[in-house]
Amino acid sequence: MQLNLPYALWNRNTVQLAVKVMWGIDMPIRTVGEYLRRWGFTPQRPAKRALAQDPVAVQQWLQVQYPAIVRQAKAELGLIHWGDETTVWQDAAWARGYAPAGHRRLTVTVISSLLGITP
C-alpha cells in the first residue's frame, strides 16, 4: 500500500498515521513508541557527513572547461543540461526515526536535470 508521504523519515507520528490509514485504528503516540521498542526498533539519528571539494579544480573547470562547453553548444545550436545524480539521506540533525537496532538507514537516489541558458 502506498501512503504517498511527503517525506522519507519514519517516526512515531508517521507510524501512527500509517496504522490509522491502513487499519482505521487511532493509536496513542506513546503506544506506538512502546510497540516499536518491543519489536526491536530504536530511535535513529542520521550521521552527518561532509563532502570534500577541491577549490582549485572547481576554478579550473569554471574558467576553462565550462566556457569551452558553452562555445561548443552555441556552435552546434545545442542545449546544456546540468545533470546530477545524488543520494538523498535523512541528514537533518534534529530528525529521529525508528529502525531495527543495528539497521542502516535507506537512501534514495535522485537523478535530475536543469536546463542551462547559455549567454
C-alpha atoms as a PDB file:
ATOM      1  CA  MET A   1       0.000   0.000   0.000  1.00  0.00           C
ATOM      2  CA  GLN A   2       1.405   3.417  -0.985  1.00  0.00           C
ATOM      3  CA  LEU A   3       0.843   6.089   1.662  1.00  0.00           C
ATOM      4  CA  ASN A   4       2.208   8.960  -0.504  1.00  0.00           C
ATOM      5  CA  LEU A   5       4.014  10.542   2.423  1.00  0.00           C
ATOM      6  CA  PRO A   6       5.731  13.863   1.626  1.00  0.00           C
ATOM      7  CA  TYR A   7       8.923  12.771   3.459  1.00  0.00           C
ATOM      8  CA  ALA A   8      11.159   9.728   3.787  1.00  0.00           C
ATOM      9  CA  LEU A   9      11.724   9.634   7.554  1.00  0.00           C
ATOM     10  CA  TRP A  10       9.593   7.253   9.580  1.00  0.00           C
ATOM     11  CA  ASN A  11       8.976   8.386  13.145  1.00  0.00           C
ATOM     12  CA  ARG A  12       6.290   7.622  15.705  1.00  0.00           C
ATOM     13  CA  ASN A  13       3.885  10.115  14.110  1.00  0.00           C
ATOM     14  CA  THR A  14       4.339   8.503  10.704  1.00  0.00           C
ATOM     15  CA  VAL A  15       3.739   5.016  12.083  1.00  0.00           C
ATOM     16  CA  GLN A  16       0.678   6.317  13.948  1.00  0.00           C
ATOM     17  CA  LEU A  17      -0.665   7.764  10.670  1.00  0.00           C
ATOM     18  CA  ALA A  18       0.046   4.531   8.779  1.00  0.00           C
ATOM     19  CA  VAL A  19      -1.855   2.487  11.389  1.00  0.00           C
ATOM     20  CA  LYS A  20      -4.800   4.903  11.105  1.00  0.00           C
ATOM     21  CA  VAL A  21      -4.831   4.838   7.283  1.00  0.00           C
ATOM     22  CA  MET A  22      -4.272   1.093   6.884  1.00  0.00           C
ATOM     23  CA  TRP A  23      -6.409  -0.282   9.711  1.00  0.00           C
ATOM     24  CA  GLY A  24      -8.533   2.617  10.937  1.00  0.00           C
ATOM     25  CA  ILE A  25      -7.099   2.357  14.450  1.00  0.00           C
ATOM     26  CA  ASP A  26      -6.432   5.510  16.487  1.00  0.00           C
ATOM     27  CA  MET A  27      -3.353   4.581  18.491  1.00  0.00           C
ATOM     28  CA  PRO A  28      -1.822   6.880  21.125  1.00  0.00           C
ATOM     29  CA  ILE A  29       1.661   8.089  20.199  1.00  0.00           C
ATOM     30  CA  ARG A  30       3.142   6.596  23.374  1.00  0.00           C
ATOM     31  CA  THR A  31       1.717   3.191  22.476  1.00  0.00           C
ATOM     32  CA  VAL A  32       3.265   3.448  19.005  1.00  0.00           C
ATOM     33  CA  GLY A  33       6.667   4.071  20.635  1.00  0.00           C
ATOM     34  CA  GLU A  34       6.199   1.147  23.015  1.00  0.00           C
ATOM     35  CA  TYR A  35       5.346  -1.219  20.159  1.00  0.00           C
ATOM     36  CA  LEU A  36       8.337  -0.027  18.121  1.00  0.00           C
ATOM     37  CA  ARG A  37      10.679  -0.622  21.071  1.00  0.00           C
ATOM     38  CA  ARG A  38       9.112  -4.034  21.733  1.00  0.00           C
ATOM     39  CA  TRP A  39       9.696  -5.026  18.090  1.00  0.00           C
ATOM     40  CA  GLY A  40      13.363  -4.032  18.298  1.00  0.00           C
ATOM     41  CA  PHE A  41      13.160  -0.629  16.620  1.00  0.00           C
ATOM     42  CA  THR A  42      15.198   2.149  18.206  1.00  0.00           C
ATOM     43  CA  PRO A  43      15.333   5.889  17.512  1.00  0.00           C
ATOM     44  CA  GLN A  44      17.975   6.602  14.886  1.00  0.00           C
ATOM     45  CA  ARG A  45      19.738   9.915  14.415  1.00  0.00           C
ATOM     46  CA  PRO A  46      21.342  10.073  10.959  1.00  0.00           C
ATOM     47  CA  ALA A  47      25.091  10.747  10.878  1.00  0.00           C
ATOM     48  CA  LYS A  48      26.187  13.921   9.152  1.00  0.00           C
ATOM     49  CA  ARG A  49      28.891  13.587   6.504  1.00  0.00           C
ATOM     50  CA  ALA A  50      30.917  16.373   4.963  1.00  0.00           C
ATOM     51  CA  LEU A  51      31.829  16.064   1.286  1.00  0.00           C
ATOM     52  CA  ALA A  52      35.305  17.044   0.089  1.00  0.00           C
ATOM     53  CA  GLN A  53      35.720  19.630  -2.646  1.00  0.00           C
ATOM     54  CA  ASP A  54      38.871  20.747  -4.468  1.00  0.00           C
ATOM     55  CA  PRO A  55      38.603  24.550  -4.910  1.00  0.00           C
ATOM     56  CA  VAL A  56      41.461  24.639  -7.444  1.00  0.00           C
ATOM     57  CA  ALA A  57      39.805  22.021  -9.650  1.00  0.00           C
ATOM     58  CA  VAL A  58      36.458  23.854  -9.386  1.00  0.00           C
ATOM     59  CA  GLN A  59      38.031  27.143 -10.536  1.00  0.00           C
ATOM     60  CA  GLN A  60      39.815  25.344 -13.400  1.00  0.00           C
ATOM     61  CA  TRP A  61      36.529  23.869 -14.549  1.00  0.00           C
ATOM     62  CA  LEU A  62      34.630  27.173 -14.241  1.00  0.00           C
ATOM     63  CA  GLN A  63      37.279  29.251 -16.016  1.00  0.00           C
ATOM     64  CA  VAL A  64      38.488  26.828 -18.700  1.00  0.00           C
ATOM     65  CA  GLN A  65      36.381  23.736 -19.263  1.00  0.00           C
ATOM     66  CA  TYR A  66      32.858  25.111 -18.890  1.00  0.00           C
ATOM     67  CA  PRO A  67      33.401  28.097 -21.239  1.00  0.00           C
ATOM     68  CA  ALA A  68      34.640  25.598 -23.850  1.00  0.00           C
ATOM     69  CA  ILE A  69      31.458  23.546 -23.386  1.00  0.00           C
ATOM     70  CA  VAL A  70      29.335  26.715 -23.784  1.00  0.00           C
ATOM     71  CA  ARG A  71      31.174  27.669 -27.008  1.00  0.00           C
ATOM     72  CA  GLN A  72      30.662  24.191 -28.442  1.00  0.00           C
ATOM     73  CA  ALA A  73      26.958  24.184 -27.505  1.00  0.00           C
ATOM     74  CA  LYS A  74      26.444  27.570 -29.193  1.00  0.00           C
ATOM     75  CA  ALA A  75      28.296  26.441 -32.321  1.00  0.00           C
ATOM     76  CA  GLU A  76      26.135  23.326 -32.560  1.00  0.00           C
ATOM     77  CA  LEU A  77      22.891  25.098 -31.514  1.00  0.00           C
ATOM     78  CA  GLY A  78      22.778  22.718 -28.581  1.00  0.00           C
ATOM     79  CA  LEU A  79      21.352  22.946 -25.094  1.00  0.00           C
ATOM     80  CA  ILE A  80      23.264  22.496 -21.873  1.00  0.00           C
ATOM     81  CA  HIS A  81      21.601  20.418 -19.188  1.00  0.00           C
ATOM     82  CA  TRP A  82      23.026  20.342 -15.702  1.00  0.00           C
ATOM     83  CA  GLY A  83      22.567  16.765 -14.573  1.00  0.00           C
ATOM     84  CA  ASP A  84      23.061  15.397 -11.110  1.00  0.00           C
ATOM     85  CA  GLU A  85      22.837  12.006  -9.531  1.00  0.00           C
ATOM     86  CA  THR A  86      22.765  12.301  -5.805  1.00  0.00           C
ATOM     87  CA  THR A  87      21.891  10.166  -2.861  1.00  0.00           C
ATOM     88  CA  VAL A  88      19.331  11.659  -0.533  1.00  0.00           C
ATOM     89  CA  TRP A  89      19.945  10.889   3.120  1.00  0.00           C
ATOM     90  CA  GLN A  90      17.929  11.859   6.129  1.00  0.00           C
ATOM     91  CA  ASP A  91      20.618  14.282   7.287  1.00  0.00           C
ATOM     92  CA  ALA A  92      18.669  16.642   9.481  1.00  0.00           C
ATOM     93  CA  ALA A  93      20.453  16.661  12.834  1.00  0.00           C
ATOM     94  CA  TRP A  94      17.141  17.038  14.672  1.00  0.00           C
ATOM     95  CA  ALA A  95      15.429  14.186  12.811  1.00  0.00           C
ATOM     96  CA  ARG A  96      14.919  10.914  14.613  1.00  0.00           C
ATOM     97  CA  GLY A  97      13.096   7.926  13.265  1.00  0.00           C
ATOM     98  CA  TYR A  98      12.681   4.276  14.188  1.00  0.00           C
ATOM     99  CA  ALA A  99      14.548   1.360  12.670  1.00  0.00           C
ATOM    100  CA  PRO A 100      15.530  -2.110  13.855  1.00  0.00           C
ATOM    101  CA  ALA A 101      18.549  -1.995  16.195  1.00  0.00           C
ATOM    102  CA  GLY A 102      21.741  -2.016  14.131  1.00  0.00           C
ATOM    103  CA  HIS A 103      19.829  -1.313  10.915  1.00  0.00           C
ATOM    104  CA  ARG A 104      21.327   1.126   8.431  1.00  0.00           C
ATOM    105  CA  ARG A 105      19.038   3.783   7.073  1.00  0.00           C
ATOM    106  CA  LEU A 106      17.908   3.606   3.490  1.00  0.00           C
ATOM    107  CA  THR A 107      18.816   6.117   0.825  1.00  0.00           C
ATOM    108  CA  VAL A 108      17.072   7.379  -2.262  1.00  0.00           C
ATOM    109  CA  THR A 109      18.996   8.045  -5.480  1.00  0.00           C
ATOM    110  CA  VAL A 110      17.747  11.060  -7.415  1.00  0.00           C
ATOM    111  CA  ILE A 111      18.691  11.982 -10.958  1.00  0.00           C
ATOM    112  CA  SER A 112      17.753  15.468 -12.087  1.00  0.00           C
ATOM    113  CA  SER A 113      18.442  17.789 -14.986  1.00  0.00           C
ATOM    114  CA  LEU A 114      18.311  21.558 -15.176  1.00  0.00           C
ATOM    115  CA  LEU A 115      18.386  23.354 -18.495  1.00  0.00           C
ATOM    116  CA  GLY A 116      21.229  25.858 -18.553  1.00  0.00           C
ATOM    117  CA  ILE A 117      20.684  29.035 -20.557  1.00  0.00           C
ATOM    118  CA  THR A 118      23.845  29.912 -22.445  1.00  0.00           C
ATOM    119  CA  PRO A 119      24.720  33.620 -22.550  1.00  0.00           C
END
